[in-house]
Amino acid sequence: MEIWVNPACSKCRSAVSLLDEAGAEYTVRRYLEDPPTPAELEAVLERLGLEPWDITRTAEPVAKELGLKTWGRTAADRPKWIEALAAHPKLIQRPIITADDGTTVVARDPETVRSVL
């Protein structure tokens, strides 16, 4: 199991605590220091069944600088979004957990964290 975290994020710390309490074995990826590649983002999005704009933190200052709220949300726009997430990992919603069986979730609440255990 792998969890993408920002240590400054309370939801990330909560998810890690829940994994620890459950005795889960996992790897922490500090995705701001070790950003995912476009290919890794594509794979995570496929497992999530989501589009890149679905996991984008549009309230971040960099999102406003890039004008993300005005970007299209079609299949043709997808590569631009993925490149933006790879270039600016702070835009990625967190935490994201990928379980050993491939199940992947955006674990913003305890129930979602528990769903991958």
Protein backbone atom coordinates (compact mmCIF):
# COMPACT_ATOMS: atom_id res chain seq x y z
CA MET A 1 0.00 0.00 0.00
CA GLU A 2 1.20 3.50 -0.79
CA ILE A 3 -0.10 6.81 0.53
CA TRP A 4 0.67 10.17 -1.07
CA VAL A 5 0.88 12.74 1.69
CA ASN A 6 1.72 16.31 2.48
CA PRO A 7 2.94 16.20 6.11
CA ALA A 8 1.45 19.66 6.72
CA CYS A 9 -2.05 18.35 5.86
CA SER A 10 -4.26 17.33 8.79
CA LYS A 11 -6.25 14.87 6.64
CA CYS A 12 -2.98 13.20 5.60
CA ARG A 13 -1.83 12.91 9.21
CA SER A 14 -5.21 11.49 10.17
CA ALA A 15 -5.07 8.90 7.38
CA VAL A 16 -1.56 7.83 8.41
CA SER A 17 -2.74 7.49 12.03
CA LEU A 18 -5.64 5.28 10.94
CA LEU A 19 -3.29 3.08 8.89
CA ASP A 20 -0.95 2.82 11.88
CA GLU A 21 -3.83 1.94 14.24
CA ALA A 22 -4.90 -0.82 11.84
CA GLY A 23 -1.35 -2.19 11.67
CA ALA A 24 -1.28 -1.69 7.90
CA GLU A 25 1.98 -1.95 6.00
CA TYR A 26 2.43 1.02 3.72
CA THR A 27 4.92 3.30 2.05
CA VAL A 28 4.68 7.06 2.46
CA ARG A 29 5.29 9.17 -0.60
CA ARG A 30 5.76 12.84 0.13
CA TYR A 31 4.46 13.84 -3.24
CA LEU A 32 5.53 17.48 -2.95
CA GLU A 33 9.16 16.33 -2.66
CA ASP A 34 8.76 13.37 -5.04
CA PRO A 35 6.07 14.47 -7.52
CA PRO A 36 4.28 11.85 -9.58
CA THR A 37 5.04 11.70 -13.27
CA PRO A 38 2.31 12.24 -15.84
CA ALA A 39 2.26 8.44 -16.38
CA GLU A 40 1.82 7.82 -12.64
CA LEU A 41 -1.00 10.36 -12.53
CA GLU A 42 -2.67 8.66 -15.50
CA ALA A 43 -2.47 5.30 -13.71
CA VAL A 44 -3.87 6.71 -10.45
CA LEU A 45 -6.69 8.48 -12.28
CA GLU A 46 -7.58 5.27 -14.10
CA ARG A 47 -7.71 3.33 -10.81
CA LEU A 48 -9.74 6.13 -9.20
CA GLY A 49 -12.12 6.32 -12.16
CA LEU A 50 -11.73 10.10 -12.09
CA GLU A 51 -10.55 12.89 -14.32
CA PRO A 52 -7.60 15.14 -13.43
CA TRP A 53 -9.88 18.08 -12.64
CA ASP A 54 -11.66 15.87 -10.10
CA ILE A 55 -8.48 15.62 -7.98
CA THR A 56 -7.32 19.22 -8.47
CA ARG A 57 -7.25 21.67 -5.59
CA THR A 58 -8.62 24.67 -7.48
CA ALA A 59 -8.43 27.01 -4.47
CA GLU A 60 -4.63 26.82 -4.32
CA PRO A 61 -2.85 30.07 -5.28
CA VAL A 62 -1.07 28.34 -8.18
CA ALA A 63 -4.45 27.22 -9.53
CA LYS A 64 -5.56 30.82 -9.63
CA GLU A 65 -2.26 31.86 -11.27
CA LEU A 66 -2.78 29.22 -13.96
CA GLY A 67 -6.43 30.14 -14.39
CA LEU A 68 -7.57 26.53 -13.90
CA LYS A 69 -11.20 27.50 -13.33
CA THR A 70 -11.35 28.59 -16.97
CA TRP A 71 -9.75 25.45 -18.40
CA GLY A 72 -11.87 23.05 -20.41
CA ARG A 73 -12.88 19.70 -18.99
CA THR A 74 -12.97 17.45 -22.00
CA ALA A 75 -10.89 14.50 -23.15
CA ALA A 76 -8.86 16.92 -25.27
CA ASP A 77 -8.07 19.02 -22.18
CA ARG A 78 -6.98 16.05 -20.07
CA PRO A 79 -3.24 16.13 -20.99
CA LYS A 80 -2.98 19.82 -20.07
CA TRP A 81 -4.48 19.11 -16.63
CA ILE A 82 -2.18 16.14 -16.05
CA GLU A 83 0.87 18.20 -16.99
CA ALA A 84 -0.24 20.94 -14.58
CA LEU A 85 -0.63 18.42 -11.73
CA ALA A 86 2.80 16.92 -12.46
CA ALA A 87 4.43 20.36 -12.64
CA HIS A 88 2.60 21.70 -9.58
CA PRO A 89 1.96 18.75 -7.22
CA LYS A 90 0.49 21.09 -4.60
CA LEU A 91 -2.61 21.03 -6.83
CA ILE A 92 -3.18 17.30 -6.20
CA GLN A 93 -5.96 16.45 -3.76
CA ARG A 94 -4.65 14.47 -0.81
CA PRO A 95 -4.17 11.97 0.63
CA ILE A 96 -4.33 9.36 -2.11
CA ILE A 97 -4.00 5.73 -1.05
CA THR A 98 -3.30 2.86 -3.44
CA ALA A 99 -3.88 -0.52 -1.84
CA ASP A 100 -1.93 -3.63 -2.79
CA ASP A 101 -4.89 -4.93 -4.79
CA GLY A 102 -4.88 -1.74 -6.91
CA THR A 103 -7.85 -0.14 -5.17
CA THR A 104 -7.18 3.60 -5.05
CA VAL A 105 -9.01 6.28 -3.09
CA VAL A 106 -8.80 9.93 -2.22
CA ALA A 107 -8.87 9.34 1.52
CA ARG A 108 -10.27 12.58 2.91
CA ASP A 109 -12.33 10.90 5.63
CA PRO A 110 -11.85 7.96 8.02
CA GLU A 111 -14.44 5.75 6.27
CA THR A 112 -12.57 6.01 2.98
CA VAL A 113 -9.26 5.16 4.65
CA ARG A 114 -10.85 2.11 6.25
CA SER A 115 -12.29 1.01 2.90
CA VAL A 116 -8.81 0.09 1.63
CA LEU A 117 -7.76 -1.88 4.71
